[in-house]
Amino acid sequence: MALIMTLGLALLLGAALGALGGLLGIGGGILAIPVLVLLYGMDQQLAQGTALVMMVPNVLIAFWRYRQRNPFPLRTALAIGLTSILSTYPAARLAVALDARLLKLAFAVFLLWLAVYFLWTSRPRAGNASPGAHWNERYLPAVGVVGGLFAGLFSVGAGIVAAPILVRGFGKRQAVAQGLALALVVPGALVALATYGRAQHVDWRLGAALAAGGMATVSWGVALAHRVPERRLKQSFALMLLLTALLMIGQS
């Protein structure tokens, strides 16, 4: 009975995280990890590995939905995604070898940085601001390498880091940038999941329940992303990240 209740709660939690992940274009993992740490008492490595089980199918669905609404070349997505593997594997090996408390503290600091970034980018901007020059697209694979570092070290964050680089550096529209960012998350998440799995830092049963719940709602989140005011969404998400980071630091 206790197992059924645990898995039922995980399904509901996965549904909530899947909707938020689709809404924000982040796969839900950035929110799943602190929940697993704070509510389930997992150590940092186990939480990151378990969150990856949820992320893989949800990110695949979100990527496909974003591409349906905002078509972009699959060749570009493939180039970014494959190069992410170059940095994901060594970063994941480092993460599973680190002290769990140190990794948890580093993750909390990462959340704080993300909160500051989202608050900064949600400020009102002047309508006549110049976009500036954009980088040559032959440098796009480098975005995959940068994103792969975060995918391996924290299991999450690759898409969140990559999207602003694609927008500000390469001049991509926000929705296209989020779709391309999800493209680099998929291969990196698979490599990271294999690494965490070999190190026995994955709760497969709980992760599968989270994934099942998320798969049911991620498409709805993507659809909602095209209707919700971006500024208000970023501010709410930033405050949630800030609170979560402070709670994790308090437990360290």
C-alpha atoms as a PDB file:
ATOM      1  CA  MET A   1       0.000   0.000   0.000  1.00  0.00           C
ATOM      2  CA  ALA A   2       2.833   2.358   0.901  1.00  0.00           C
ATOM      3  CA  LEU A   3       4.523   1.604  -2.422  1.00  0.00           C
ATOM      4  CA  ILE A   4       1.321   2.384  -4.349  1.00  0.00           C
ATOM      5  CA  MET A   5       0.959   5.708  -2.515  1.00  0.00           C
ATOM      6  CA  THR A   6       4.615   6.566  -3.167  1.00  0.00           C
ATOM      7  CA  LEU A   7       4.323   5.830  -6.888  1.00  0.00           C
ATOM      8  CA  GLY A   8       0.977   7.650  -7.086  1.00  0.00           C
ATOM      9  CA  LEU A   9       2.519  10.731  -5.525  1.00  0.00           C
ATOM     10  CA  ALA A  10       5.435  10.450  -7.952  1.00  0.00           C
ATOM     11  CA  LEU A  11       3.001  10.350 -10.894  1.00  0.00           C
ATOM     12  CA  LEU A  12       1.290  13.542  -9.711  1.00  0.00           C
ATOM     13  CA  LEU A  13       4.633  15.189  -9.029  1.00  0.00           C
ATOM     14  CA  GLY A  14       5.901  14.161 -12.452  1.00  0.00           C
ATOM     15  CA  ALA A  15       2.786  15.636 -14.072  1.00  0.00           C
ATOM     16  CA  ALA A  16       3.369  18.983 -12.345  1.00  0.00           C
ATOM     17  CA  LEU A  17       7.072  19.005 -13.222  1.00  0.00           C
ATOM     18  CA  GLY A  18       6.379  17.945 -16.814  1.00  0.00           C
ATOM     19  CA  ALA A  19       3.965  20.817 -17.334  1.00  0.00           C
ATOM     20  CA  LEU A  20       6.427  23.314 -15.864  1.00  0.00           C
ATOM     21  CA  GLY A  21       9.266  21.836 -17.879  1.00  0.00           C
ATOM     22  CA  GLY A  22       7.332  22.173 -21.120  1.00  0.00           C
ATOM     23  CA  LEU A  23       6.254  25.678 -20.184  1.00  0.00           C
ATOM     24  CA  LEU A  24       9.817  26.813 -19.512  1.00  0.00           C
ATOM     25  CA  GLY A  25      11.585  24.624 -22.100  1.00  0.00           C
ATOM     26  CA  ILE A  26      13.777  22.966 -19.456  1.00  0.00           C
ATOM     27  CA  GLY A  27      12.558  19.365 -19.236  1.00  0.00           C
ATOM     28  CA  GLY A  28      11.498  19.641 -15.576  1.00  0.00           C
ATOM     29  CA  GLY A  29      14.733  18.220 -14.175  1.00  0.00           C
ATOM     30  CA  ILE A  30      15.916  21.490 -12.650  1.00  0.00           C
ATOM     31  CA  LEU A  31      12.826  21.347 -10.438  1.00  0.00           C
ATOM     32  CA  ALA A  32      12.802  17.574  -9.864  1.00  0.00           C
ATOM     33  CA  ILE A  33      16.268  17.436  -8.282  1.00  0.00           C
ATOM     34  CA  PRO A  34      15.631  19.736  -5.296  1.00  0.00           C
ATOM     35  CA  VAL A  35      12.235  18.067  -4.776  1.00  0.00           C
ATOM     36  CA  LEU A  36      13.911  14.643  -4.581  1.00  0.00           C
ATOM     37  CA  VAL A  37      16.534  16.012  -2.201  1.00  0.00           C
ATOM     38  CA  LEU A  38      14.173  17.945   0.070  1.00  0.00           C
ATOM     39  CA  LEU A  39      11.082  15.694   0.049  1.00  0.00           C
ATOM     40  CA  TYR A  40      12.567  12.230  -0.497  1.00  0.00           C
ATOM     41  CA  GLY A  41      15.807  12.737   1.439  1.00  0.00           C
ATOM     42  CA  MET A  42      18.014  11.598  -1.447  1.00  0.00           C
ATOM     43  CA  ASP A  43      21.668  12.526  -1.639  1.00  0.00           C
ATOM     44  CA  GLN A  44      22.603  14.818  -4.508  1.00  0.00           C
ATOM     45  CA  GLN A  45      23.975  12.159  -6.870  1.00  0.00           C
ATOM     46  CA  LEU A  46      20.930   9.888  -6.453  1.00  0.00           C
ATOM     47  CA  ALA A  47      18.550  12.810  -6.995  1.00  0.00           C
ATOM     48  CA  GLN A  48      20.367  13.877 -10.172  1.00  0.00           C
ATOM     49  CA  GLY A  49      20.463  10.340 -11.566  1.00  0.00           C
ATOM     50  CA  THR A  50      16.772   9.723 -10.806  1.00  0.00           C
ATOM     51  CA  ALA A  51      15.761  13.040 -12.357  1.00  0.00           C
ATOM     52  CA  LEU A  52      17.477  11.969 -15.579  1.00  0.00           C
ATOM     53  CA  VAL A  53      15.046   9.050 -15.945  1.00  0.00           C
ATOM     54  CA  MET A  54      12.219  11.576 -16.009  1.00  0.00           C
ATOM     55  CA  MET A  55      14.021  14.034 -18.238  1.00  0.00           C
ATOM     56  CA  VAL A  56      14.817  11.851 -21.250  1.00  0.00           C
ATOM     57  CA  PRO A  57      11.252  11.109 -22.500  1.00  0.00           C
ATOM     58  CA  ASN A  58       9.923  14.515 -21.444  1.00  0.00           C
ATOM     59  CA  VAL A  59      12.670  16.364 -23.294  1.00  0.00           C
ATOM     60  CA  LEU A  60      12.107  14.273 -26.434  1.00  0.00           C
ATOM     61  CA  ILE A  61       8.394  15.167 -26.432  1.00  0.00           C
ATOM     62  CA  ALA A  62       9.068  18.839 -25.691  1.00  0.00           C
ATOM     63  CA  PHE A  63      11.692  19.001 -28.459  1.00  0.00           C
ATOM     64  CA  TRP A  64       9.261  17.565 -31.006  1.00  0.00           C
ATOM     65  CA  ARG A  65       6.460  19.936 -29.935  1.00  0.00           C
ATOM     66  CA  TYR A  66       8.716  22.990 -30.117  1.00  0.00           C
ATOM     67  CA  ARG A  67       9.894  21.974 -33.590  1.00  0.00           C
ATOM     68  CA  GLN A  68       6.294  21.489 -34.776  1.00  0.00           C
ATOM     69  CA  ARG A  69       5.446  25.052 -33.756  1.00  0.00           C
ATOM     70  CA  ASN A  70       8.785  26.639 -34.723  1.00  0.00           C
ATOM     71  CA  PRO A  71      10.510  24.587 -37.465  1.00  0.00           C
ATOM     72  CA  PHE A  72      14.307  24.617 -37.515  1.00  0.00           C
ATOM     73  CA  PRO A  73      16.842  22.443 -39.392  1.00  0.00           C
ATOM     74  CA  LEU A  74      17.380  19.015 -37.863  1.00  0.00           C
ATOM     75  CA  ARG A  75      20.972  19.215 -39.072  1.00  0.00           C
ATOM     76  CA  THR A  76      21.578  22.171 -36.742  1.00  0.00           C
ATOM     77  CA  ALA A  77      19.935  20.372 -33.834  1.00  0.00           C
ATOM     78  CA  LEU A  78      22.027  17.252 -34.527  1.00  0.00           C
ATOM     79  CA  ALA A  79      25.283  19.224 -34.606  1.00  0.00           C
ATOM     80  CA  ILE A  80      24.549  20.828 -31.248  1.00  0.00           C
ATOM     81  CA  GLY A  81      23.303  17.613 -29.688  1.00  0.00           C
ATOM     82  CA  LEU A  82      26.201  15.384 -30.707  1.00  0.00           C
ATOM     83  CA  THR A  83      28.903  17.819 -29.624  1.00  0.00           C
ATOM     84  CA  SER A  84      27.332  17.982 -26.166  1.00  0.00           C
ATOM     85  CA  ILE A  85      28.457  14.381 -25.609  1.00  0.00           C
ATOM     86  CA  LEU A  86      32.120  15.462 -25.743  1.00  0.00           C
ATOM     87  CA  SER A  87      31.819  17.294 -22.430  1.00  0.00           C
ATOM     88  CA  THR A  88      28.910  15.446 -20.794  1.00  0.00           C
ATOM     89  CA  TYR A  89      30.752  12.198 -20.089  1.00  0.00           C
ATOM     90  CA  PRO A  90      33.823  13.619 -18.279  1.00  0.00           C
ATOM     91  CA  ALA A  91      31.603  16.047 -16.348  1.00  0.00           C
ATOM     92  CA  ALA A  92      29.291  13.206 -15.261  1.00  0.00           C
ATOM     93  CA  ARG A  93      32.276  11.103 -14.163  1.00  0.00           C
ATOM     94  CA  LEU A  94      33.420  14.024 -12.037  1.00  0.00           C
ATOM     95  CA  ALA A  95      29.940  14.476 -10.531  1.00  0.00           C
ATOM     96  CA  VAL A  96      29.550  10.855  -9.383  1.00  0.00           C
ATOM     97  CA  ALA A  97      33.015  10.988  -7.789  1.00  0.00           C
ATOM     98  CA  LEU A  98      32.455  14.237  -5.867  1.00  0.00           C
ATOM     99  CA  ASP A  99      31.423  14.425  -2.228  1.00  0.00           C
ATOM    100  CA  ALA A 100      27.600  14.530  -2.179  1.00  0.00           C
ATOM    101  CA  ARG A 101      27.511  17.542   0.154  1.00  0.00           C
ATOM    102  CA  LEU A 102      29.907  19.519  -2.057  1.00  0.00           C
ATOM    103  CA  LEU A 103      27.899  18.670  -5.177  1.00  0.00           C
ATOM    104  CA  LYS A 104      24.684  19.706  -3.424  1.00  0.00           C
ATOM    105  CA  LEU A 105      26.205  23.050  -2.446  1.00  0.00           C
ATOM    106  CA  ALA A 106      27.480  23.608  -5.999  1.00  0.00           C
ATOM    107  CA  PHE A 107      24.006  22.836  -7.352  1.00  0.00           C
ATOM    108  CA  ALA A 108      22.416  25.312  -4.941  1.00  0.00           C
ATOM    109  CA  VAL A 109      24.857  28.013  -6.071  1.00  0.00           C
ATOM    110  CA  PHE A 110      23.945  27.160  -9.669  1.00  0.00           C
ATOM    111  CA  LEU A 111      20.260  27.664  -8.815  1.00  0.00           C
ATOM    112  CA  LEU A 112      21.080  31.041  -7.269  1.00  0.00           C
ATOM    113  CA  TRP A 113      22.895  32.076 -10.438  1.00  0.00           C
ATOM    114  CA  LEU A 114      19.908  30.998 -12.531  1.00  0.00           C
ATOM    115  CA  ALA A 115      17.526  32.954 -10.299  1.00  0.00           C
ATOM    116  CA  VAL A 116      19.602  36.118 -10.739  1.00  0.00           C
ATOM    117  CA  TYR A 117      19.756  35.535 -14.497  1.00  0.00           C
ATOM    118  CA  PHE A 118      15.981  35.128 -14.860  1.00  0.00           C
ATOM    119  CA  LEU A 119      15.298  38.205 -12.748  1.00  0.00           C
ATOM    120  CA  TRP A 120      17.814  40.209 -14.812  1.00  0.00           C
ATOM    121  CA  THR A 121      16.346  39.147 -18.148  1.00  0.00           C
ATOM    122  CA  SER A 122      12.783  39.862 -16.997  1.00  0.00           C
ATOM    123  CA  ARG A 123      13.503  43.595 -16.629  1.00  0.00           C
ATOM    124  CA  PRO A 124      11.680  45.934 -19.034  1.00  0.00           C
ATOM    125  CA  ARG A 125      13.863  46.731 -22.050  1.00  0.00           C
ATOM    126  CA  ALA A 126      14.056  49.816 -24.205  1.00  0.00           C
ATOM    127  CA  GLY A 127      12.190  49.336 -27.449  1.00  0.00           C
ATOM    128  CA  ASN A 128      15.004  50.779 -29.552  1.00  0.00           C
ATOM    129  CA  ALA A 129      17.791  48.642 -28.102  1.00  0.00           C
ATOM    130  CA  SER A 130      20.192  47.469 -30.784  1.00  0.00           C
ATOM    131  CA  PRO A 131      20.530  43.682 -31.083  1.00  0.00           C
ATOM    132  CA  GLY A 132      24.207  43.933 -32.066  1.00  0.00           C
ATOM    133  CA  ALA A 133      26.187  41.641 -34.363  1.00  0.00           C
ATOM    134  CA  HIS A 134      25.540  37.881 -34.289  1.00  0.00           C
ATOM    135  CA  TRP A 135      28.145  35.126 -34.280  1.00  0.00           C
ATOM    136  CA  ASN A 136      28.769  32.900 -37.289  1.00  0.00           C
ATOM    137  CA  GLU A 137      26.691  29.728 -37.174  1.00  0.00           C
ATOM    138  CA  ARG A 138      29.757  27.543 -37.657  1.00  0.00           C
ATOM    139  CA  TYR A 139      30.366  28.104 -33.937  1.00  0.00           C
ATOM    140  CA  LEU A 140      27.009  26.559 -32.977  1.00  0.00           C
ATOM    141  CA  PRO A 141      28.577  23.199 -31.950  1.00  0.00           C
ATOM    142  CA  ALA A 142      30.425  25.055 -29.172  1.00  0.00           C
ATOM    143  CA  VAL A 143      27.028  25.679 -27.574  1.00  0.00           C
ATOM    144  CA  GLY A 144      26.665  21.911 -27.286  1.00  0.00           C
ATOM    145  CA  VAL A 145      30.011  21.599 -25.526  1.00  0.00           C
ATOM    146  CA  VAL A 146      29.095  24.287 -22.983  1.00  0.00           C
ATOM    147  CA  GLY A 147      25.663  22.771 -22.395  1.00  0.00           C
ATOM    148  CA  GLY A 148      27.166  19.297 -22.048  1.00  0.00           C
ATOM    149  CA  LEU A 149      29.271  20.419 -19.094  1.00  0.00           C
ATOM    150  CA  PHE A 150      26.142  21.332 -17.150  1.00  0.00           C
ATOM    151  CA  ALA A 151      24.320  18.194 -18.316  1.00  0.00           C
ATOM    152  CA  GLY A 152      27.072  16.012 -16.910  1.00  0.00           C
ATOM    153  CA  LEU A 153      27.828  17.889 -13.720  1.00  0.00           C
ATOM    154  CA  PHE A 154      24.284  18.720 -12.583  1.00  0.00           C
ATOM    155  CA  SER A 155      22.148  16.489 -14.892  1.00  0.00           C
ATOM    156  CA  VAL A 156      20.241  19.671 -15.758  1.00  0.00           C
ATOM    157  CA  GLY A 157      20.884  23.221 -16.865  1.00  0.00           C
ATOM    158  CA  ALA A 158      22.168  22.499 -20.361  1.00  0.00           C
ATOM    159  CA  GLY A 159      19.063  23.902 -22.039  1.00  0.00           C
ATOM    160  CA  ILE A 160      18.790  26.863 -19.696  1.00  0.00           C
ATOM    161  CA  VAL A 161      22.405  27.834 -20.374  1.00  0.00           C
ATOM    162  CA  ALA A 162      22.233  27.189 -24.113  1.00  0.00           C
ATOM    163  CA  ALA A 163      19.005  29.092 -24.862  1.00  0.00           C
ATOM    164  CA  PRO A 164      20.279  32.603 -23.968  1.00  0.00           C
ATOM    165  CA  ILE A 165      23.517  31.946 -25.886  1.00  0.00           C
ATOM    166  CA  LEU A 166      21.463  31.038 -28.959  1.00  0.00           C
ATOM    167  CA  VAL A 167      19.253  34.121 -28.562  1.00  0.00           C
ATOM    168  CA  ARG A 168      21.881  36.740 -27.736  1.00  0.00           C
ATOM    169  CA  GLY A 169      24.870  35.272 -29.539  1.00  0.00           C
ATOM    170  CA  PHE A 170      23.305  33.781 -32.667  1.00  0.00           C
ATOM    171  CA  GLY A 171      20.123  35.848 -32.982  1.00  0.00           C
ATOM    172  CA  LYS A 172      17.678  32.940 -32.726  1.00  0.00           C
ATOM    173  CA  ARG A 173      14.076  33.612 -31.750  1.00  0.00           C
ATOM    174  CA  GLN A 174      13.303  32.556 -28.159  1.00  0.00           C
ATOM    175  CA  ALA A 175      11.025  29.655 -29.106  1.00  0.00           C
ATOM    176  CA  VAL A 176      13.521  28.332 -31.686  1.00  0.00           C
ATOM    177  CA  ALA A 177      16.363  28.716 -29.173  1.00  0.00           C
ATOM    178  CA  GLN A 178      14.440  26.695 -26.593  1.00  0.00           C
ATOM    179  CA  GLY A 179      13.799  23.949 -29.142  1.00  0.00           C
ATOM    180  CA  LEU A 180      17.468  23.792 -30.159  1.00  0.00           C
ATOM    181  CA  ALA A 181      18.496  23.836 -26.494  1.00  0.00           C
ATOM    182  CA  LEU A 182      16.302  20.797 -25.902  1.00  0.00           C
ATOM    183  CA  ALA A 183      18.075  19.074 -28.810  1.00  0.00           C
ATOM    184  CA  LEU A 184      21.381  19.217 -26.954  1.00  0.00           C
ATOM    185  CA  VAL A 185      19.768  17.993 -23.732  1.00  0.00           C
ATOM    186  CA  VAL A 186      18.685  14.623 -25.174  1.00  0.00           C
ATOM    187  CA  PRO A 187      22.058  13.019 -26.020  1.00  0.00           C
ATOM    188  CA  GLY A 188      23.718  14.588 -23.008  1.00  0.00           C
ATOM    189  CA  ALA A 189      20.988  13.251 -20.709  1.00  0.00           C
ATOM    190  CA  LEU A 190      21.380   9.737 -22.148  1.00  0.00           C
ATOM    191  CA  VAL A 191      25.146   9.757 -21.593  1.00  0.00           C
ATOM    192  CA  ALA A 192      24.760  11.179 -18.092  1.00  0.00           C
ATOM    193  CA  LEU A 193      22.041   8.632 -17.233  1.00  0.00           C
ATOM    194  CA  ALA A 194      24.305   5.752 -18.294  1.00  0.00           C
ATOM    195  CA  THR A 195      27.132   7.164 -16.164  1.00  0.00           C
ATOM    196  CA  TYR A 196      24.968   7.682 -13.077  1.00  0.00           C
ATOM    197  CA  GLY A 197      23.366   4.261 -13.604  1.00  0.00           C
ATOM    198  CA  ARG A 198      26.721   2.468 -13.669  1.00  0.00           C
ATOM    199  CA  ALA A 199      27.598   4.240 -10.419  1.00  0.00           C
ATOM    200  CA  GLN A 200      24.239   3.040  -8.945  1.00  0.00           C
ATOM    201  CA  HIS A 201      22.980   6.577  -8.418  1.00  0.00           C
ATOM    202  CA  VAL A 202      19.525   6.031  -9.985  1.00  0.00           C
ATOM    203  CA  ASP A 203      16.169   5.044  -8.455  1.00  0.00           C
ATOM    204  CA  TRP A 204      14.695   3.575 -11.636  1.00  0.00           C
ATOM    205  CA  ARG A 205      11.219   2.822 -10.268  1.00  0.00           C
ATOM    206  CA  LEU A 206      10.634   6.292  -8.863  1.00  0.00           C
ATOM    207  CA  GLY A 207      12.176   7.903 -11.948  1.00  0.00           C
ATOM    208  CA  ALA A 208       9.867   5.908 -14.250  1.00  0.00           C
ATOM    209  CA  ALA A 209       6.807   7.068 -12.285  1.00  0.00           C
ATOM    210  CA  LEU A 210       7.953  10.689 -12.547  1.00  0.00           C
ATOM    211  CA  ALA A 211       8.524  10.213 -16.277  1.00  0.00           C
ATOM    212  CA  ALA A 212       5.064   8.728 -16.839  1.00  0.00           C
ATOM    213  CA  GLY A 213       3.432  11.682 -15.087  1.00  0.00           C
ATOM    214  CA  GLY A 214       5.518  14.199 -16.985  1.00  0.00           C
ATOM    215  CA  MET A 215       4.828  12.660 -20.394  1.00  0.00           C
ATOM    216  CA  ALA A 216       1.125  13.243 -19.843  1.00  0.00           C
ATOM    217  CA  THR A 217       1.483  17.002 -19.356  1.00  0.00           C
ATOM    218  CA  VAL A 218       4.632  18.231 -21.113  1.00  0.00           C
ATOM    219  CA  SER A 219       2.811  18.912 -24.414  1.00  0.00           C
ATOM    220  CA  TRP A 220       0.253  21.032 -22.556  1.00  0.00           C
ATOM    221  CA  GLY A 221       3.096  23.005 -20.992  1.00  0.00           C
ATOM    222  CA  VAL A 222       4.681  23.674 -24.388  1.00  0.00           C
ATOM    223  CA  ALA A 223       1.351  24.905 -25.759  1.00  0.00           C
ATOM    224  CA  LEU A 224       0.877  27.177 -22.746  1.00  0.00           C
ATOM    225  CA  ALA A 225       4.386  28.602 -23.219  1.00  0.00           C
ATOM    226  CA  HIS A 226       3.166  30.374 -26.350  1.00  0.00           C
ATOM    227  CA  ARG A 227       0.395  32.173 -24.442  1.00  0.00           C
ATOM    228  CA  VAL A 228       1.811  33.117 -21.014  1.00  0.00           C
ATOM    229  CA  PRO A 229       3.553  36.535 -20.640  1.00  0.00           C
ATOM    230  CA  GLU A 230       7.277  35.757 -20.657  1.00  0.00           C
ATOM    231  CA  ARG A 231       8.278  38.430 -18.147  1.00  0.00           C
ATOM    232  CA  ARG A 232       5.891  37.288 -15.408  1.00  0.00           C
ATOM    233  CA  LEU A 233       6.850  33.667 -16.031  1.00  0.00           C
ATOM    234  CA  LYS A 234      10.563  34.393 -15.618  1.00  0.00           C
ATOM    235  CA  GLN A 235      10.044  36.349 -12.406  1.00  0.00           C
ATOM    236  CA  SER A 236       7.946  33.598 -10.804  1.00  0.00           C
ATOM    237  CA  PHE A 237      10.433  30.923 -11.836  1.00  0.00           C
ATOM    238  CA  ALA A 238      13.361  32.975 -10.503  1.00  0.00           C
ATOM    239  CA  LEU A 239      11.735  33.403  -7.097  1.00  0.00           C
ATOM    240  CA  MET A 240      11.017  29.678  -6.934  1.00  0.00           C
ATOM    241  CA  LEU A 241      14.659  28.886  -7.769  1.00  0.00           C
ATOM    242  CA  LEU A 242      15.851  31.370  -5.160  1.00  0.00           C
ATOM    243  CA  LEU A 243      13.736  29.815  -2.412  1.00  0.00           C
ATOM    244  CA  THR A 244      14.793  26.289  -3.393  1.00  0.00           C
ATOM    245  CA  ALA A 245      18.485  27.210  -3.406  1.00  0.00           C
ATOM    246  CA  LEU A 246      18.257  28.776   0.041  1.00  0.00           C
ATOM    247  CA  LEU A 247      16.513  25.680   1.418  1.00  0.00           C
ATOM    248  CA  MET A 248      19.225  23.426  -0.030  1.00  0.00           C
ATOM    249  CA  ILE A 249      22.017  25.606   1.347  1.00  0.00           C
ATOM    250  CA  GLY A 250      20.320  25.546   4.754  1.00  0.00           C
ATOM    251  CA  GLN A 251      20.378  21.732   4.708  1.00  0.00           C
ATOM    252  CA  SER A 252      24.053  21.517   3.647  1.00  0.00           C
END
